[in-house]
N, C-alpha and C. Protein backbone atom coordinates (compact mmCIF):
# COMPACT_ATOMS: atom_id res chain seq x y z
N GLU A 1 22.62 -21.07 45.94
CA GLU A 1 21.25 -21.28 45.53
C GLU A 1 20.78 -22.65 46.02
N SER A 2 19.52 -22.70 46.23
CA SER A 2 18.99 -23.98 46.69
C SER A 2 18.82 -24.91 45.52
N GLU A 3 18.72 -26.15 45.83
CA GLU A 3 18.57 -27.16 44.79
C GLU A 3 17.25 -26.96 44.04
N ALA A 4 16.22 -26.55 44.72
CA ALA A 4 14.92 -26.32 44.10
C ALA A 4 15.00 -25.17 43.11
N THR A 5 15.74 -24.13 43.47
CA THR A 5 15.91 -22.98 42.58
C THR A 5 16.69 -23.41 41.34
N GLN A 6 17.72 -24.22 41.56
CA GLN A 6 18.51 -24.69 40.43
C GLN A 6 17.66 -25.56 39.50
N ILE A 7 16.81 -26.39 40.07
CA ILE A 7 15.94 -27.24 39.26
C ILE A 7 14.96 -26.37 38.48
N ASP A 8 14.39 -25.37 39.15
CA ASP A 8 13.48 -24.44 38.47
C ASP A 8 14.18 -23.72 37.32
N ASN A 9 15.41 -23.26 37.60
CA ASN A 9 16.18 -22.56 36.56
C ASN A 9 16.49 -23.49 35.40
N ALA A 10 16.85 -24.74 35.71
CA ALA A 10 17.17 -25.71 34.66
C ALA A 10 15.93 -26.02 33.84
N GLU A 11 14.80 -26.21 34.50
CA GLU A 11 13.55 -26.48 33.79
C GLU A 11 13.15 -25.29 32.93
N SER A 12 13.32 -24.11 33.50
CA SER A 12 13.00 -22.90 32.76
C SER A 12 13.90 -22.76 31.53
N ALA A 13 15.20 -23.05 31.72
CA ALA A 13 16.15 -22.98 30.61
C ALA A 13 15.81 -24.04 29.57
N GLU A 14 15.44 -25.23 30.02
CA GLU A 14 15.07 -26.31 29.10
C GLU A 14 13.82 -25.92 28.30
N ALA A 15 12.85 -25.32 28.96
CA ALA A 15 11.63 -24.88 28.28
C ALA A 15 11.96 -23.79 27.26
N GLU A 16 12.85 -22.88 27.65
CA GLU A 16 13.25 -21.80 26.74
C GLU A 16 13.98 -22.37 25.53
N ILE A 17 14.85 -23.36 25.77
CA ILE A 17 15.57 -24.01 24.67
C ILE A 17 14.57 -24.69 23.74
N GLN A 18 13.58 -25.36 24.32
CA GLN A 18 12.56 -26.03 23.51
C GLN A 18 11.79 -25.01 22.67
N ASP A 19 11.41 -23.90 23.29
CA ASP A 19 10.71 -22.83 22.56
C ASP A 19 11.57 -22.29 21.42
N LEU A 20 12.86 -22.12 21.70
CA LEU A 20 13.78 -21.62 20.66
C LEU A 20 13.92 -22.63 19.52
N ARG A 21 13.93 -23.94 19.87
CA ARG A 21 14.00 -24.97 18.82
C ARG A 21 12.76 -24.92 17.93
N VAL A 22 11.60 -24.78 18.55
CA VAL A 22 10.36 -24.69 17.78
C VAL A 22 10.40 -23.46 16.88
N GLU A 23 10.83 -22.35 17.46
CA GLU A 23 10.93 -21.11 16.68
C GLU A 23 11.93 -21.25 15.55
N LEU A 24 13.06 -21.93 15.82
CA LEU A 24 14.07 -22.15 14.79
C LEU A 24 13.50 -23.03 13.67
N ASP A 25 12.77 -24.09 14.04
CA ASP A 25 12.15 -24.95 13.03
C ASP A 25 11.17 -24.17 12.17
N GLU A 26 10.36 -23.32 12.82
CA GLU A 26 9.41 -22.50 12.07
C GLU A 26 10.13 -21.53 11.14
N THR A 27 11.22 -20.95 11.64
CA THR A 27 12.01 -20.02 10.82
C THR A 27 12.63 -20.74 9.63
N LEU A 28 13.19 -21.93 9.87
CA LEU A 28 13.79 -22.70 8.77
C LEU A 28 12.72 -23.11 7.75
N SER A 29 11.55 -23.48 8.24
CA SER A 29 10.44 -23.83 7.34
C SER A 29 10.04 -22.62 6.50
N LEU A 30 9.95 -21.47 7.15
CA LEU A 30 9.61 -20.23 6.42
C LEU A 30 10.68 -19.89 5.39
N ILE A 31 11.94 -20.06 5.75
CA ILE A 31 13.04 -19.80 4.81
C ILE A 31 12.93 -20.73 3.60
N ALA A 32 12.62 -22.01 3.86
CA ALA A 32 12.47 -22.97 2.75
C ALA A 32 11.31 -22.55 1.84
N LYS A 33 10.19 -22.13 2.44
CA LYS A 33 9.06 -21.67 1.63
C LYS A 33 9.44 -20.45 0.81
N LEU A 34 10.16 -19.52 1.43
CA LEU A 34 10.57 -18.30 0.72
C LEU A 34 11.52 -18.64 -0.43
N LYS A 35 12.42 -19.61 -0.20
CA LYS A 35 13.33 -20.03 -1.27
C LYS A 35 12.53 -20.61 -2.44
N ASN A 36 11.53 -21.42 -2.11
CA ASN A 36 10.68 -21.99 -3.17
C ASN A 36 9.94 -20.90 -3.92
N GLU A 37 9.43 -19.92 -3.19
CA GLU A 37 8.72 -18.81 -3.83
C GLU A 37 9.66 -18.01 -4.73
N VAL A 38 10.87 -17.77 -4.25
CA VAL A 38 11.86 -17.03 -5.06
C VAL A 38 12.17 -17.82 -6.32
N SER A 39 12.36 -19.14 -6.17
CA SER A 39 12.64 -19.98 -7.33
C SER A 39 11.47 -19.93 -8.31
N HIS A 40 10.25 -20.03 -7.79
CA HIS A 40 9.05 -19.96 -8.64
C HIS A 40 8.97 -18.60 -9.34
N CYS A 41 9.26 -17.54 -8.60
CA CYS A 41 9.22 -16.19 -9.19
C CYS A 41 10.26 -16.04 -10.29
N LYS A 42 11.45 -16.61 -10.06
CA LYS A 42 12.49 -16.53 -11.09
C LYS A 42 12.06 -17.27 -12.34
N LYS A 43 11.45 -18.45 -12.15
CA LYS A 43 10.96 -19.20 -13.32
C LYS A 43 9.88 -18.41 -14.04
N SER A 44 8.96 -17.84 -13.27
CA SER A 44 7.89 -17.04 -13.87
C SER A 44 8.45 -15.84 -14.62
N GLU A 45 9.44 -15.19 -14.01
CA GLU A 45 10.07 -14.03 -14.66
C GLU A 45 10.74 -14.46 -15.96
N SER A 46 11.43 -15.59 -15.91
CA SER A 46 12.11 -16.09 -17.11
C SER A 46 11.10 -16.38 -18.22
N GLN A 47 9.98 -17.02 -17.84
CA GLN A 47 8.95 -17.32 -18.82
C GLN A 47 8.33 -16.03 -19.37
N ALA A 48 8.11 -15.07 -18.49
CA ALA A 48 7.54 -13.80 -18.93
C ALA A 48 8.48 -13.08 -19.89
N LEU A 49 9.77 -13.10 -19.59
CA LEU A 49 10.75 -12.45 -20.47
C LEU A 49 10.80 -13.15 -21.83
N GLU A 50 10.66 -14.47 -21.80
CA GLU A 50 10.65 -15.23 -23.05
C GLU A 50 9.42 -14.85 -23.88
N ILE A 51 8.28 -14.73 -23.22
CA ILE A 51 7.05 -14.35 -23.91
C ILE A 51 7.19 -12.93 -24.47
N VAL A 52 7.78 -12.03 -23.69
CA VAL A 52 7.99 -10.65 -24.15
C VAL A 52 8.88 -10.64 -25.39
N ALA A 53 9.95 -11.44 -25.36
CA ALA A 53 10.87 -11.48 -26.51
C ALA A 53 10.15 -12.00 -27.75
N LYS A 54 9.36 -13.07 -27.58
CA LYS A 54 8.62 -13.62 -28.72
C LYS A 54 7.60 -12.61 -29.24
N THR A 55 6.93 -11.94 -28.31
CA THR A 55 5.93 -10.95 -28.70
C THR A 55 6.58 -9.79 -29.45
N GLN A 56 7.76 -9.37 -28.98
CA GLN A 56 8.47 -8.29 -29.68
C GLN A 56 8.84 -8.71 -31.10
N MET A 57 9.29 -9.96 -31.23
CA MET A 57 9.63 -10.46 -32.57
C MET A 57 8.39 -10.49 -33.46
N GLN A 58 7.26 -10.93 -32.90
CA GLN A 58 6.02 -10.97 -33.67
C GLN A 58 5.58 -9.56 -34.05
N LEU A 59 5.75 -8.62 -33.13
CA LEU A 59 5.38 -7.23 -33.41
C LEU A 59 6.26 -6.66 -34.52
N GLU A 60 7.55 -6.94 -34.46
CA GLU A 60 8.46 -6.47 -35.50
C GLU A 60 8.07 -7.06 -36.86
N ALA A 61 7.75 -8.36 -36.86
CA ALA A 61 7.34 -9.01 -38.11
C ALA A 61 6.04 -8.40 -38.63
N ALA A 62 5.11 -8.14 -37.72
CA ALA A 62 3.84 -7.54 -38.12
C ALA A 62 4.06 -6.13 -38.68
N ASN A 63 4.94 -5.36 -38.04
CA ASN A 63 5.24 -4.01 -38.53
C ASN A 63 5.86 -4.06 -39.92
N LYS A 64 6.77 -5.03 -40.14
CA LYS A 64 7.37 -5.17 -41.47
C LYS A 64 6.31 -5.55 -42.50
N MET A 65 5.38 -6.41 -42.09
CA MET A 65 4.31 -6.82 -43.00
C MET A 65 3.43 -5.62 -43.33
N VAL A 66 3.13 -4.80 -42.33
CA VAL A 66 2.32 -3.60 -42.57
C VAL A 66 3.03 -2.68 -43.55
N GLU A 67 4.33 -2.46 -43.33
CA GLU A 67 5.10 -1.61 -44.25
C GLU A 67 5.07 -2.18 -45.66
N SER A 68 5.25 -3.50 -45.76
CA SER A 68 5.24 -4.15 -47.07
C SER A 68 3.89 -4.00 -47.75
N LEU A 69 2.82 -4.21 -46.97
CA LEU A 69 1.47 -4.08 -47.55
C LEU A 69 1.17 -2.64 -47.94
N GLN A 70 1.65 -1.69 -47.15
CA GLN A 70 1.45 -0.28 -47.51
C GLN A 70 2.17 0.04 -48.81
N LEU A 71 3.39 -0.47 -48.95
CA LEU A 71 4.15 -0.24 -50.18
C LEU A 71 3.44 -0.89 -51.37
N GLU A 72 2.96 -2.12 -51.16
CA GLU A 72 2.23 -2.80 -52.23
C GLU A 72 0.97 -2.01 -52.60
N GLY A 73 0.29 -1.48 -51.60
CA GLY A 73 -0.91 -0.68 -51.85
C GLY A 73 -0.59 0.56 -52.64
N MET A 74 0.52 1.22 -52.28
CA MET A 74 0.93 2.42 -53.01
C MET A 74 1.29 2.06 -54.44
N ASN A 75 2.00 0.95 -54.62
CA ASN A 75 2.37 0.51 -55.97
C ASN A 75 1.13 0.15 -56.78
N ALA A 76 0.17 -0.51 -56.14
CA ALA A 76 -1.07 -0.88 -56.84
C ALA A 76 -1.85 0.37 -57.23
N SER A 77 -1.89 1.35 -56.33
CA SER A 77 -2.59 2.61 -56.65
C SER A 77 -1.91 3.31 -57.81
N GLU A 78 -0.60 3.33 -57.81
CA GLU A 78 0.15 3.96 -58.90
C GLU A 78 -0.11 3.23 -60.21
N ALA A 79 -0.11 1.90 -60.15
CA ALA A 79 -0.38 1.11 -61.36
C ALA A 79 -1.81 1.37 -61.85
N TYR A 80 -2.75 1.49 -60.92
CA TYR A 80 -4.14 1.79 -61.30
C TYR A 80 -4.24 3.16 -61.96
N ARG A 81 -3.55 4.15 -61.38
CA ARG A 81 -3.56 5.49 -61.99
C ARG A 81 -2.95 5.45 -63.39
N ASN A 82 -1.84 4.74 -63.52
CA ASN A 82 -1.20 4.64 -64.83
C ASN A 82 -2.12 3.95 -65.84
N SER A 83 -2.79 2.88 -65.39
CA SER A 83 -3.72 2.18 -66.28
C SER A 83 -4.88 3.08 -66.67
N THR A 84 -5.38 3.85 -65.70
CA THR A 84 -6.47 4.78 -65.98
C THR A 84 -6.04 5.82 -67.00
N LEU A 85 -4.83 6.36 -66.83
CA LEU A 85 -4.32 7.34 -67.79
C LEU A 85 -4.17 6.72 -69.18
N GLU A 86 -3.64 5.50 -69.24
CA GLU A 86 -3.49 4.81 -70.53
C GLU A 86 -4.86 4.57 -71.17
N LEU A 87 -5.83 4.19 -70.35
CA LEU A 87 -7.18 3.95 -70.86
C LEU A 87 -7.78 5.24 -71.41
N GLU A 88 -7.62 6.33 -70.68
CA GLU A 88 -8.13 7.63 -71.15
C GLU A 88 -7.43 8.03 -72.45
N LYS A 89 -6.13 7.79 -72.50
CA LYS A 89 -5.36 8.10 -73.71
C LYS A 89 -5.86 7.26 -74.88
N SER A 90 -6.10 5.97 -74.61
CA SER A 90 -6.60 5.08 -75.67
C SER A 90 -7.98 5.50 -76.12
N ARG A 91 -8.84 5.87 -75.18
CA ARG A 91 -10.19 6.33 -75.54
C ARG A 91 -10.12 7.58 -76.42
N SER A 92 -9.21 8.46 -76.05
CA SER A 92 -9.05 9.69 -76.83
C SER A 92 -8.57 9.35 -78.24
N GLN A 93 -7.63 8.41 -78.33
CA GLN A 93 -7.14 8.01 -79.65
C GLN A 93 -8.24 7.34 -80.47
N VAL A 94 -9.04 6.48 -79.80
CA VAL A 94 -10.15 5.82 -80.49
C VAL A 94 -11.13 6.86 -81.01
N LYS A 95 -11.45 7.84 -80.16
CA LYS A 95 -12.39 8.89 -80.57
C LYS A 95 -11.84 9.66 -81.77
N SER A 96 -10.53 9.98 -81.72
CA SER A 96 -9.92 10.70 -82.84
C SER A 96 -9.96 9.87 -84.10
N LEU A 97 -9.66 8.58 -83.97
CA LEU A 97 -9.68 7.70 -85.14
C LEU A 97 -11.10 7.54 -85.68
N GLU A 98 -12.08 7.44 -84.77
CA GLU A 98 -13.48 7.35 -85.22
C GLU A 98 -13.89 8.60 -85.98
N GLU A 99 -13.45 9.75 -85.47
CA GLU A 99 -13.76 11.01 -86.15
C GLU A 99 -13.09 11.06 -87.52
N LEU A 100 -11.85 10.57 -87.58
CA LEU A 100 -11.12 10.55 -88.85
C LEU A 100 -11.80 9.62 -89.84
N VAL A 101 -12.20 8.43 -89.35
CA VAL A 101 -12.89 7.47 -90.22
C VAL A 101 -14.20 8.08 -90.72
N SER A 102 -14.93 8.71 -89.81
CA SER A 102 -16.20 9.34 -90.18
C SER A 102 -15.97 10.42 -91.24
N LYS A 103 -14.93 11.21 -91.07
CA LYS A 103 -14.61 12.29 -92.03
C LYS A 103 -14.22 11.70 -93.37
N LEU A 104 -13.41 10.62 -93.33
CA LEU A 104 -13.00 9.97 -94.58
C LEU A 104 -14.19 9.36 -95.29
N GLN A 105 -15.10 8.79 -94.50
CA GLN A 105 -16.30 8.21 -95.12
C GLN A 105 -17.17 9.29 -95.74
N ASP A 106 -17.22 10.43 -95.07
CA ASP A 106 -18.00 11.54 -95.61
C ASP A 106 -17.38 12.06 -96.91
N ASP A 107 -16.05 12.03 -96.96
CA ASP A 107 -15.34 12.53 -98.15
C ASP A 107 -15.51 11.58 -99.34
N LEU A 108 -15.79 10.33 -99.07
CA LEU A 108 -15.96 9.37 -100.16
C LEU A 108 -17.29 9.60 -100.75
């Protein structure tokens, strides 16, 4: 080969090496960005899972509170019914006693 051809080949190889270096730098930069994004995504996922866990705990607590309030409501309704029955019973007794008093007064 002639010296000119060798110089052209060397320059061409040097240019190709330079292009490959630039491409390698770009690839390494992209890899670094992707690593940062993966790290950010992992942190975000961890935070999201933590929020989900807290929310589940809050939901469980709320469900227990609902159950407790429903039970209290049922107990209050039962107590109200019992009080109403006692009141009706007392009214009936008062009416009977009033009738008895009236009858006794009439007999006097």
